[in-house]
Protein backbone atom coordinates (compact mmCIF):
# COMPACT_ATOMS: atom_id res chain seq x y z
CA MET A 1 75.36 94.48 128.51
CA ALA A 2 76.56 93.72 125.65
CA GLN A 3 75.35 94.64 122.19
CA PRO A 4 73.04 91.87 120.97
CA ARG A 5 72.88 90.13 117.48
CA ALA A 6 70.16 88.83 115.85
CA LEU A 7 70.60 86.79 112.61
CA LEU A 8 67.57 86.82 110.17
CA SER A 9 67.73 84.55 107.41
CA VAL A 10 63.85 83.56 106.28
CA TRP A 11 62.35 82.65 103.37
CA GLU A 12 58.91 83.70 104.19
CA LYS A 13 59.52 87.19 104.71
CA SER A 14 56.18 88.59 106.29
CA GLY A 15 56.75 90.59 109.65
CA ILE A 16 60.34 90.66 109.00
CA ILE A 17 60.93 93.95 107.81
CA GLU A 18 58.85 94.72 111.62
CA LEU A 19 60.58 92.10 113.49
CA GLY A 20 64.02 94.08 112.04
CA SER A 21 62.84 97.59 112.95
CA ALA A 22 61.69 96.86 116.72
CA LEU A 23 65.35 94.72 117.10
CA SER A 24 67.16 97.58 115.47
CA GLY A 25 65.32 100.37 117.58
CA MET A 26 66.28 98.07 120.87
CA GLY A 27 69.49 98.42 119.69
CA TRP A 28 70.55 95.29 118.43
CA GLU A 29 72.88 94.38 115.47
CA LEU A 30 71.22 92.54 112.77
CA LEU A 31 73.06 89.75 110.36
CA SER A 32 71.56 88.62 107.50
CA THR A 33 71.89 86.89 103.97
CA GLY A 34 71.13 87.03 100.57
CA GLY A 35 67.26 88.50 100.13
CA THR A 36 66.55 89.08 103.48
CA ALA A 37 69.61 91.16 103.92
CA ARG A 38 68.39 93.00 101.09
CA THR A 39 64.99 93.33 102.13
CA LEU A 40 66.02 95.22 105.38
CA ARG A 41 68.23 97.43 103.86
CA ASP A 42 65.20 98.67 101.27
CA ALA A 43 63.97 99.17 104.63
CA GLY A 44 66.27 101.74 105.54
CA PHE A 45 68.19 99.29 108.47
CA GLU A 46 72.05 98.80 108.96
CA VAL A 47 72.37 95.60 108.45
CA THR A 48 75.84 92.55 108.71
CA ASP A 49 76.10 90.34 106.00
CA VAL A 50 77.15 87.12 107.01
CA SER A 51 79.98 86.64 104.94
CA GLU A 52 81.30 89.75 106.44
CA ALA A 53 80.72 88.15 110.16
CA THR A 54 82.75 84.89 108.79
CA GLY A 55 85.22 86.42 106.82
CA HIS A 56 83.97 84.33 103.87
CA PRO A 57 81.90 84.81 100.90
CA GLU A 58 78.88 83.09 100.10
CA VAL A 59 79.32 80.47 97.41
CA PHE A 60 77.92 77.80 95.19
CA ASP A 61 75.10 79.95 94.29
CA GLY A 62 74.08 80.31 98.05
CA ARG A 63 74.74 76.72 99.23
CA VAL A 64 76.98 77.78 101.29
CA LYS A 65 76.57 81.00 103.56
CA THR A 66 75.78 80.05 107.28
CA LEU A 67 77.92 77.07 107.94
CA HIS A 68 80.54 78.53 109.52
CA PRO A 69 81.92 78.49 113.25
CA ALA A 70 81.65 82.07 113.39
CA ILE A 71 78.21 81.41 113.01
CA HIS A 72 77.49 78.21 115.06
CA GLY A 73 80.04 79.22 117.79
CA GLY A 74 78.21 82.40 118.16
CA ILE A 75 74.64 80.57 118.18
CA LEU A 76 76.36 77.39 120.37
CA ALA A 77 78.93 78.96 123.15
CA ARG A 78 77.09 78.22 126.41
CA ARG A 79 77.83 81.50 128.17
CA ASP A 80 77.83 79.88 131.42
CA ARG A 81 80.61 77.85 130.74
CA GLU A 82 84.08 80.36 130.83
CA ASP A 83 86.32 77.90 128.41
CA ASP A 84 83.43 78.27 125.64
CA MET A 85 82.51 82.35 126.47
CA ALA A 86 87.06 82.45 126.26
CA THR A 87 87.32 80.18 123.05
CA LEU A 88 84.76 82.30 121.43
CA ALA A 89 86.54 85.33 122.25
CA GLU A 90 89.88 83.48 121.27
CA LEU A 91 88.90 83.06 118.03
CA GLY A 92 87.26 86.44 117.59
CA TYR A 93 84.04 85.68 117.34
CA GLY A 94 80.74 87.21 118.77
CA THR A 95 77.70 85.94 119.83
CA VAL A 96 74.24 85.22 118.25
CA ASP A 97 71.33 85.96 120.72
CA LEU A 98 68.57 85.25 118.42
CA VAL A 99 67.98 83.28 115.09
CA CYS A 100 64.89 83.85 113.17
CA VAL A 101 64.82 81.29 110.61
CA ASN A 102 61.89 80.06 108.31
CA LEU A 103 63.18 76.90 105.67
CA TYR A 104 62.82 76.90 101.16
CA PRO A 105 59.56 76.31 100.48
CA PHE A 106 60.03 72.62 99.84
CA GLU A 107 56.72 71.14 100.00
CA ALA A 108 55.18 73.80 97.58
CA THR A 109 57.79 73.16 95.06
CA ALA A 110 57.11 69.38 95.38
CA ALA A 111 52.96 70.32 94.75
CA GLN A 112 53.69 72.61 91.46
CA ASP A 113 51.68 71.16 88.73
CA PRO A 114 53.25 70.41 86.52
CA PRO A 115 55.47 68.31 89.02
CA ALA A 116 58.72 70.59 88.99
CA SER A 117 62.10 68.67 88.07
CA ASP A 118 64.03 66.29 90.60
CA SER A 119 66.90 68.95 90.20
CA GLU A 120 64.75 71.66 91.28
CA LEU A 121 63.70 70.20 93.95
CA ILE A 122 67.05 69.35 95.34
CA GLU A 123 67.68 72.84 95.19
CA MET A 124 65.09 73.20 97.95
CA ILE A 125 66.35 71.59 100.17
CA ASP A 126 67.72 73.87 102.39
CA ILE A 127 70.57 72.76 104.86
CA GLY A 128 72.20 75.83 106.13
CA GLY A 129 68.54 76.80 107.72
CA PRO A 130 67.46 73.57 109.73
CA THR A 131 71.19 73.36 110.41
CA MET A 132 71.12 77.10 112.58
CA VAL A 133 67.26 75.94 113.51
CA ARG A 134 68.65 72.72 115.44
CA SER A 135 71.51 74.98 116.52
CA ALA A 136 69.84 77.66 118.38
CA ALA A 137 67.18 75.25 119.57
CA LYS A 138 69.67 72.64 121.45
CA ASN A 139 71.30 76.18 123.14
CA HIS A 140 67.93 77.82 123.29
CA SER A 141 68.60 78.70 127.44
CA ASP A 142 71.00 81.53 125.69
CA VAL A 143 69.62 81.93 122.06
CA ILE A 144 65.94 82.80 121.58
CA VAL A 145 64.91 80.72 118.45
CA LEU A 146 61.89 81.66 115.72
CA THR A 147 61.05 79.91 113.18
CA ASN A 148 57.40 81.27 111.91
CA PRO A 149 56.04 84.83 111.74
CA GLU A 150 53.38 84.40 114.19
CA GLN A 151 55.99 84.30 117.25
CA TYR A 152 57.74 87.43 116.42
CA PRO A 153 55.01 89.60 118.52
CA SER A 154 54.94 87.94 121.66
CA VAL A 155 58.97 87.91 121.66
CA LEU A 156 59.27 91.56 120.83
CA LYS A 157 57.12 92.70 123.45
CA SER A 158 58.76 90.77 125.92
CA LEU A 159 61.80 91.98 124.44
CA SER A 160 60.76 95.51 124.92
CA SER A 161 59.51 95.17 128.66
CA ALA A 162 63.23 94.37 129.71
CA ASN A 163 64.67 97.43 127.49
CA GLY A 164 65.73 94.68 124.50
CA ASP A 165 67.76 92.67 126.83
CA PRO A 166 67.46 88.92 125.90
CA CYS A 167 67.23 87.85 129.37
CA GLY A 168 63.84 89.29 129.12
CA VAL A 169 62.11 86.11 127.06
CA ASP A 170 62.02 83.63 130.22
CA SER A 171 62.85 79.99 130.21
CA ALA A 172 59.03 78.88 129.24
CA THR A 173 59.04 80.65 126.50
CA ARG A 174 62.74 80.30 125.04
CA GLN A 175 61.20 76.30 125.80
CA SER A 176 58.49 76.55 123.56
CA LEU A 177 60.04 77.84 121.29
CA ALA A 178 62.50 75.69 121.26
CA LEU A 179 60.04 72.64 120.94
CA ALA A 180 58.19 74.45 117.81
CA ALA A 181 61.68 74.45 116.25
CA TYR A 182 62.53 71.13 116.41
CA GLN A 183 58.99 70.02 115.59
CA SER A 184 59.38 72.46 111.94
CA THR A 185 62.99 70.53 111.12
CA ALA A 186 61.02 67.16 112.01
CA ALA A 187 57.83 68.24 109.43
CA TYR A 188 60.39 69.41 107.01
CA ASP A 189 62.97 65.88 107.27
CA ALA A 190 59.66 64.26 106.98
CA ALA A 191 58.33 65.91 103.92
CA VAL A 192 61.83 65.45 101.81
CA SER A 193 62.02 62.07 103.44
CA ASN A 194 58.75 61.55 101.71
CA GLU A 195 58.40 63.12 98.88
CA LEU A 196 62.14 61.27 97.68
CA GLU A 197 60.98 57.84 98.16
CA SER A 198 57.90 58.26 96.17
CA ARG A 199 59.64 59.76 92.94
CA PHE A 200 63.64 57.76 93.99
CA THR A 201 61.66 54.09 94.52
CA GLN A 202 58.73 52.12 92.47
CA ARG A 203 56.96 51.02 96.03
CA ASP A 204 53.28 51.40 96.75
CA VAL A 205 53.81 51.69 100.15
CA PRO A 206 56.33 53.58 102.24
CA SER A 207 59.97 51.70 103.02
CA ARG A 208 59.08 53.71 106.36
CA ILE A 209 56.66 56.06 107.70
CA HIS A 210 57.17 59.73 108.33
CA VAL A 211 54.35 61.41 109.77
CA SER A 212 53.69 64.96 110.41
CA SER A 213 51.25 67.39 111.35
CA GLY A 214 49.77 70.97 111.87
CA PRO A 215 49.33 71.90 115.14
CA GLY A 216 46.72 69.52 117.14
CA SER A 217 43.58 71.59 118.05
CA GLU A 218 41.98 70.28 120.82
CA LEU A 219 38.63 68.69 121.19
CA ARG A 220 35.78 68.72 123.52
CA TYR A 221 36.88 65.02 124.22
CA GLY A 222 37.66 62.07 122.00
CA GLU A 223 34.87 59.43 121.23
CA ASN A 224 33.64 59.19 125.01
CA PRO A 225 33.48 62.28 127.10
CA HIS A 226 36.37 60.62 129.50
CA GLN A 227 38.88 60.22 126.63
CA PRO A 228 41.31 63.45 125.74
CA ALA A 229 41.54 64.18 122.24
CA ALA A 230 42.56 66.60 119.35
CA PHE A 231 42.48 67.12 115.81
CA TYR A 232 46.25 67.74 113.99
CA PRO A 233 45.70 69.02 110.23
CA ALA A 234 48.31 67.47 108.15
CA ALA A 235 51.68 69.83 107.52
CA GLY A 236 51.74 71.84 104.65
CA GLU A 237 49.14 73.16 102.27
CA PRO A 238 45.30 72.66 104.28
CA SER A 239 43.80 69.91 102.41
CA GLY A 240 40.65 67.76 102.64
CA LEU A 241 38.92 68.07 106.05
CA ALA A 242 41.54 70.44 107.43
CA ALA A 243 40.83 72.88 104.33
CA ALA A 244 37.01 72.84 105.00
CA THR A 245 35.27 76.33 106.24
CA GLN A 246 32.68 75.49 108.88
CA HIS A 247 29.77 77.82 108.98
CA GLY A 248 28.31 78.13 112.73
CA GLY A 249 27.13 75.97 114.84
CA LYS A 250 29.54 74.09 117.70
CA PRO A 251 33.21 73.08 117.41
CA LEU A 252 33.51 69.41 115.46
CA SER A 253 33.52 66.70 117.45
CA TYR A 254 35.86 63.68 117.52
CA ASN A 255 32.99 61.28 116.37
CA ASN A 256 32.30 64.02 114.16
CA TYR A 257 35.78 64.33 111.86
CA LEU A 258 35.20 60.63 111.85
CA ASP A 259 32.00 60.34 110.29
CA LEU A 260 32.73 63.31 108.01
CA ASP A 261 35.37 61.64 107.07
CA GLY A 262 33.43 58.53 106.07
CA ALA A 263 30.91 60.44 104.06
CA LEU A 264 33.89 62.73 102.23
CA ARG A 265 35.36 59.52 100.79
CA LEU A 266 32.04 57.77 99.55
CA ALA A 267 31.04 61.40 98.39
CA ARG A 268 34.56 61.51 96.27
CA SER A 269 33.88 58.14 95.06
CA LEU A 270 30.47 58.66 93.59
CA CYS A 271 31.50 62.02 91.86
CA ASP A 272 32.52 60.15 88.70
CA ALA A 273 29.37 58.24 89.25
CA ALA A 274 27.28 61.44 89.46
CA ALA A 275 29.43 63.47 86.86
CA GLY A 276 27.19 64.68 83.35
CA GLY A 277 24.54 66.80 85.44
CA GLN A 278 23.76 64.50 88.14
CA HIS A 279 24.19 65.12 91.55
CA ALA A 280 25.29 62.21 94.70
CA CYS A 281 23.92 62.45 98.42
CA VAL A 282 25.60 60.32 100.66
CA ILE A 283 24.15 59.74 104.42
CA VAL A 284 26.34 58.57 107.21
CA LYS A 285 26.00 57.41 110.69
CA HIS A 286 28.83 55.75 113.29
CA THR A 287 31.26 55.75 109.80
CA ASN A 288 28.34 53.72 107.50
CA PRO A 289 26.78 54.62 105.16
CA CYS A 290 23.05 54.44 105.87
CA GLY A 291 22.13 55.47 102.42
CA ALA A 292 23.43 56.76 99.00
CA ALA A 293 22.25 57.84 96.19
CA VAL A 294 22.64 59.71 92.50
CA ASP A 295 20.12 61.36 90.90
CA GLN A 296 19.39 64.09 88.16
CA THR A 297 18.46 66.46 91.15
CA GLN A 298 19.61 66.86 94.46
CA VAL A 299 16.54 67.07 95.99
CA GLY A 300 15.96 63.26 94.76
CA ALA A 301 18.99 62.45 95.35
CA TRP A 302 18.73 63.13 99.15
CA LYS A 303 14.91 61.38 99.73
CA ASN A 304 16.35 58.61 97.81
CA ALA A 305 19.39 58.61 100.28
CA LEU A 306 17.49 59.16 102.99
CA ALA A 307 14.68 56.78 102.16
CA SER A 308 17.12 53.54 102.51
CA ASP A 309 17.27 54.08 105.96
CA PRO A 310 15.29 57.00 107.66
CA GLU A 311 15.76 55.13 110.64
CA SER A 312 19.52 55.10 111.05
CA ALA A 313 19.86 58.79 109.45
CA PHE A 314 18.76 60.47 112.97
CA GLY A 315 22.00 62.62 113.83
CA CYS A 316 23.82 61.58 110.73
CA VAL A 317 26.40 63.31 109.12
CA ILE A 318 25.24 64.19 105.01
CA ALA A 319 27.58 65.05 102.16
CA PHE A 320 26.49 66.57 98.49
CA THR A 321 28.86 66.59 95.51
CA ASP A 322 27.36 70.05 94.72
CA ILE A 323 26.49 73.37 96.08
CA VAL A 324 23.26 72.75 98.18
CA GLY A 325 20.44 74.75 96.49
CA LYS A 326 17.11 76.15 98.37
CA ALA A 327 15.07 73.73 97.43
CA THR A 328 17.07 70.69 99.16
CA ALA A 329 17.37 72.69 102.29
CA GLU A 330 13.76 73.01 102.65
CA THR A 331 12.94 69.71 101.69
CA ILE A 332 15.82 68.48 104.53
CA GLY A 333 14.00 70.85 107.04
CA GLY A 334 14.08 69.61 110.41
CA HIS A 335 15.70 66.30 110.09
CA PHE A 336 17.80 66.28 112.65
CA PHE A 337 21.99 65.80 111.54
CA GLU A 338 25.12 66.88 112.73
CA CYS A 339 27.34 67.94 109.50
CA MET A 340 26.87 68.22 106.33
CA ILE A 341 29.84 68.91 103.73
CA ALA A 342 29.61 70.17 100.09
CA PRO A 343 31.04 72.02 97.99
CA GLY A 344 29.28 75.19 99.21
CA TYR A 345 25.60 76.46 99.62
CA GLU A 346 23.03 78.81 97.82
CA PRO A 347 22.49 81.67 100.69
CA GLU A 348 19.21 81.08 101.36
CA ALA A 349 19.79 77.30 101.55
CA LEU A 350 22.65 78.39 104.33
CA GLU A 351 20.59 80.75 106.23
CA PHE A 352 17.55 78.32 106.12
CA LEU A 353 19.90 75.39 107.12
CA SER A 354 21.66 77.34 110.11
CA THR A 355 18.50 78.30 111.94
CA LYS A 356 19.10 74.52 113.78
CA LYS A 357 22.21 75.96 115.62
CA ASN A 358 23.41 72.89 116.55
CA ARG A 359 24.39 72.63 112.82
CA ARG A 360 27.58 72.34 111.33
CA LEU A 361 27.67 73.23 108.24
CA LEU A 362 30.64 72.69 105.97
CA THR A 363 32.14 73.94 102.76
CA LEU A 364 34.58 72.41 101.21
CA ASP A 365 35.91 73.55 97.48
CA PRO A 366 35.96 71.67 95.48
CA ILE A 367 34.83 68.05 96.20
CA VAL A 368 37.04 65.94 93.47
CA PRO A 369 36.89 62.45 92.91
CA ARG A 370 38.93 60.11 94.98
CA ILE A 371 42.50 58.88 93.66
CA ASP A 372 44.52 55.97 95.74
CA GLU A 373 46.22 56.83 98.42
CA VAL A 374 47.91 55.63 101.13
CA ARG A 375 46.63 55.06 104.38
CA VAL A 376 48.05 54.75 107.70
CA ARG A 377 46.54 53.08 110.83
CA HIS A 378 48.33 53.03 114.22
CA LEU A 379 48.02 49.57 116.33
CA ASP A 380 49.22 48.34 119.28
CA GLY A 381 52.91 47.96 118.66
CA GLY A 382 53.41 49.50 115.02
CA TRP A 383 51.64 50.84 112.19
CA LEU A 384 49.84 49.54 109.20
CA ALA A 385 49.84 51.24 106.04
CA GLN A 386 48.11 50.10 102.66
CA VAL A 387 46.96 51.78 99.14
CA GLN A 388 42.91 53.06 99.60
CA GLY A 389 40.81 54.46 96.68
CA PRO A 390 37.94 53.32 95.04
CA PRO A 391 36.95 50.32 93.88
CA GLY A 392 39.05 49.94 90.83
CA ILE A 393 37.28 46.81 89.09
CA ASP A 394 37.86 46.43 85.57
CA TRP A 395 34.21 46.27 84.60
CA ASP A 396 35.46 45.08 80.92
CA ALA A 397 36.75 41.85 83.00
CA VAL A 398 33.70 41.38 85.06
CA LYS A 399 31.67 38.24 84.12
CA CYS A 400 28.20 37.10 84.27
CA VAL A 401 28.15 33.89 85.31
CA THR A 402 24.42 32.91 84.88
CA VAL A 403 21.76 31.41 82.31
CA LYS A 404 20.33 34.84 83.59
CA GLN A 405 22.61 38.07 81.56
CA ALA A 406 22.33 41.42 83.36
CA ASP A 407 22.08 44.16 81.19
CA THR A 408 23.81 47.23 80.59
CA ASP A 409 21.18 48.95 83.28
CA GLU A 410 22.47 46.37 85.70
CA LEU A 411 26.27 47.41 84.84
CA THR A 412 25.67 50.95 85.79
CA LEU A 413 23.71 49.79 89.52
CA ALA A 414 26.38 47.63 89.94
CA ARG A 415 29.35 49.73 89.54
CA PHE A 416 27.05 52.63 91.69
CA GLY A 417 26.59 49.84 94.22
CA SER A 418 29.94 48.91 94.50
CA GLU A 419 31.40 52.35 94.74
CA VAL A 420 29.43 52.50 97.95
CA LEU A 421 29.90 49.04 99.16
CA ALA A 422 33.43 50.01 99.52
CA GLU A 423 33.44 52.01 102.10
CA VAL A 424 30.86 49.98 104.33
CA LYS A 425 32.44 47.72 106.98
CA SER A 426 32.77 44.19 106.61
CA ASN A 427 31.10 42.14 106.16
CA ALA A 428 29.10 43.89 104.18
CA ILE A 429 26.01 43.82 102.18
CA ILE A 430 23.93 46.39 100.23
CA LEU A 431 20.79 45.89 98.34
CA VAL A 432 20.78 49.04 95.49
CA SER A 433 18.04 49.45 92.74
CA LYS A 434 17.72 52.14 90.00
CA THR A 435 15.39 54.85 90.57
CA ALA A 436 13.27 56.65 87.85
CA THR A 437 16.38 59.16 87.88
CA GLY A 438 19.39 57.63 88.92
CA CYS A 439 20.64 54.90 91.73
CA ALA A 440 20.42 54.42 95.14
CA THR A 441 20.65 52.16 98.07
CA VAL A 442 17.41 50.76 99.49
CA GLY A 443 19.50 48.47 102.35
CA VAL A 444 22.56 48.20 104.06
CA GLY A 445 24.07 45.34 106.12
CA PRO A 446 27.20 46.44 107.44
CA GLY A 447 30.00 44.74 110.23
CA GLN A 448 28.90 41.73 110.45
CA THR A 449 30.82 38.68 111.22
CA SER A 450 28.11 36.26 109.51
CA ARG A 451 27.70 37.52 105.71
CA VAL A 452 24.02 35.50 105.99
CA GLU A 453 23.11 38.34 108.61
CA ALA A 454 24.47 41.07 107.36
CA VAL A 455 21.77 39.77 103.82
CA ARG A 456 19.01 39.70 106.27
CA ILE A 457 20.07 43.15 108.14
CA ALA A 458 20.19 44.63 104.60
CA ALA A 459 16.66 43.04 103.94
CA ARG A 460 14.95 44.75 106.90
CA ARG A 461 15.90 47.72 106.20
CA ALA A 462 14.81 47.52 102.67
CA GLY A 463 11.29 46.12 103.20
CA GLU A 464 8.94 46.15 100.35
CA ARG A 465 11.97 47.69 98.26
CA ALA A 466 14.21 44.67 98.21
CA ALA A 467 11.78 43.30 95.83
CA GLY A 468 13.33 43.76 92.68
CA SER A 469 17.01 44.93 93.72
CA MET A 470 20.08 43.51 92.87
CA MET A 471 22.60 42.91 96.03
CA VAL A 472 26.26 43.48 96.22
CA SER A 473 28.20 41.73 98.74
CA ASP A 474 32.21 42.71 99.79
CA ALA A 475 32.89 39.21 99.67
CA PHE A 476 32.71 36.21 98.11
CA PHE A 477 29.38 33.01 99.47
CA PRO A 478 30.82 30.34 100.69
CA PHE A 479 28.01 28.69 101.05
CA ARG A 480 24.13 28.75 98.93
CA ASP A 481 22.46 30.12 102.01
CA GLY A 482 23.39 33.94 101.21
CA ILE A 483 21.71 33.31 97.62
CA ASP A 484 18.91 31.78 99.04
CA ALA A 485 18.18 34.63 101.30
CA ALA A 486 18.41 37.18 98.76
CA HIS A 487 16.16 35.38 96.79
CA GLU A 488 13.35 35.23 99.60
CA ILE A 489 13.59 38.86 99.72
CA GLY A 490 12.99 39.54 95.61
CA VAL A 491 16.77 40.04 94.74
CA THR A 492 16.87 39.88 91.32
CA THR A 493 20.78 40.36 90.78
CA VAL A 494 23.92 39.21 92.73
CA VAL A 495 27.19 41.29 92.31
CA GLN A 496 30.05 39.43 94.41
CA PRO A 497 33.90 38.87 94.02
CA GLY A 498 33.58 35.07 93.27
CA GLY A 499 36.44 33.48 94.69
CA SER A 500 35.15 30.48 96.69
CA MET A 501 36.06 26.97 96.09
CA ARG A 502 31.97 26.41 96.70
CA ASP A 503 31.28 29.26 93.81
CA GLN A 504 29.51 26.50 92.00
CA GLU A 505 26.89 26.33 94.56
CA SER A 506 25.88 30.09 94.20
CA ILE A 507 25.96 29.95 90.17
CA ASP A 508 23.69 26.90 90.94
CA ALA A 509 21.63 28.72 93.13
CA ALA A 510 21.31 31.98 91.59
CA ASN A 511 20.34 29.83 88.45
CA GLU A 512 17.81 27.88 90.44
CA HIS A 513 15.38 31.06 91.62
CA GLY A 514 16.46 32.71 88.08
CA MET A 515 18.82 34.84 89.36
CA ALA A 516 21.68 36.97 86.98
CA MET A 517 24.95 36.88 89.28
CA LEU A 518 28.29 38.99 88.22
CA PHE A 519 31.58 38.31 89.43
CA THR A 520 33.88 41.21 89.73
CA GLY A 521 37.12 39.70 90.76
CA ARG A 522 37.58 42.36 93.38
CA ARG A 523 36.90 41.74 97.15
CA LEU A 524 36.57 44.97 98.92
CA PHE A 525 36.54 43.99 102.89
CA LEU A 526 36.89 47.19 104.63
CA HIS A 527 37.77 46.44 108.51
């Protein structure tokens, strides 16, 4: 057997010394470049520079070093083709039997704060690395391709069992490594495309959708037991739910992820409302908020959020914007919830909440205020993308259109209500009230085909607490019946976008009932 050759050229050098040592010990020749070659030499290994193999120096500050037939011929030559091998021999080039490459840290550079300059970012676009990876993956029947340090041990075990013979790595493993290689370059290209579009264009939504992810984790099932499902973290540094730490309990389900996403979005939206020492609590069921509150105490926020709809809160998902304290945990007591997410837990709180073994407690630190982001939705035949974020209402431009005017406290309550309403499925109506130390929902009417029916549902949920409340609507009232229904349950203030051709009818109804009405000019549909 001819001496096998491995080309090692990595940015992330974890495990590279161990890989080089094992290969060298099995009689492999090591080819390498730049910093990887120095790392291996410093560890005492004999290394052949790629420039020595190509007969051409690295040029342009390392921009060109492996783009040469001596490298790619050795990778792409088909070992079972006599003409390929004869041409390789005629050129005087040897085969490359293993390629170990990981790519320049483009995503990490793009995520720097303050942002890297365009010129710095461009230098982090890898050219030779993806080319070698793709070449090796294309010829995976003859070349082993490694793109992640986690792959090294199993491949070395196979090689060791075969006394260093590359044929010791079986076909299924080679196929798996080739697939991982193409997935890594696809994710890399998507990251480059997305970042450059954000820098080079002024578009609010992308011209094309390039989505990449980390490896998926299989879930027990999807929304229903007959549906296979998985969770895929976004590529790059973990963020959002992918960055959360789970403390015990069963693995998260598909529905848990959906509800946690809804709870986290609303909690992030309420971060500003909960600023200045206040606490926010969000309770979500089947992706809809059934209760939310901001209060001077965390216990108060929980109690007021729960009071909005204690029946629907059975089996809910809970989010807090601050570390969960022992007193809060004890107040929650034996209430049945599926999941809780917060920036952390006091040790006594975590211990207390964990006594119920099926609870999933998650830490995500920090839970930061929400900002606008592009969210993508798959549908039959394509995708939709839109910018989503907090309501973004210009409160200085909000108009009170009734004889009765809204005061400062009502404006504060309207802000809170609008943040919550933006996360309720349409048609949506919520009732909110000022508490002694904050703001809270008292009734939520989500996802109805009739707006007046949404009013009725919110009223039933609120019961006697509807009296003196504020009604917030995600869209205008096409008829006055919604205003009349609100008056019947004791609503004193209405907040809506306005914009109906029958707005005056709603204004007249509010004036007849002595209600205040605010027009925000911002519709908040959520489908």
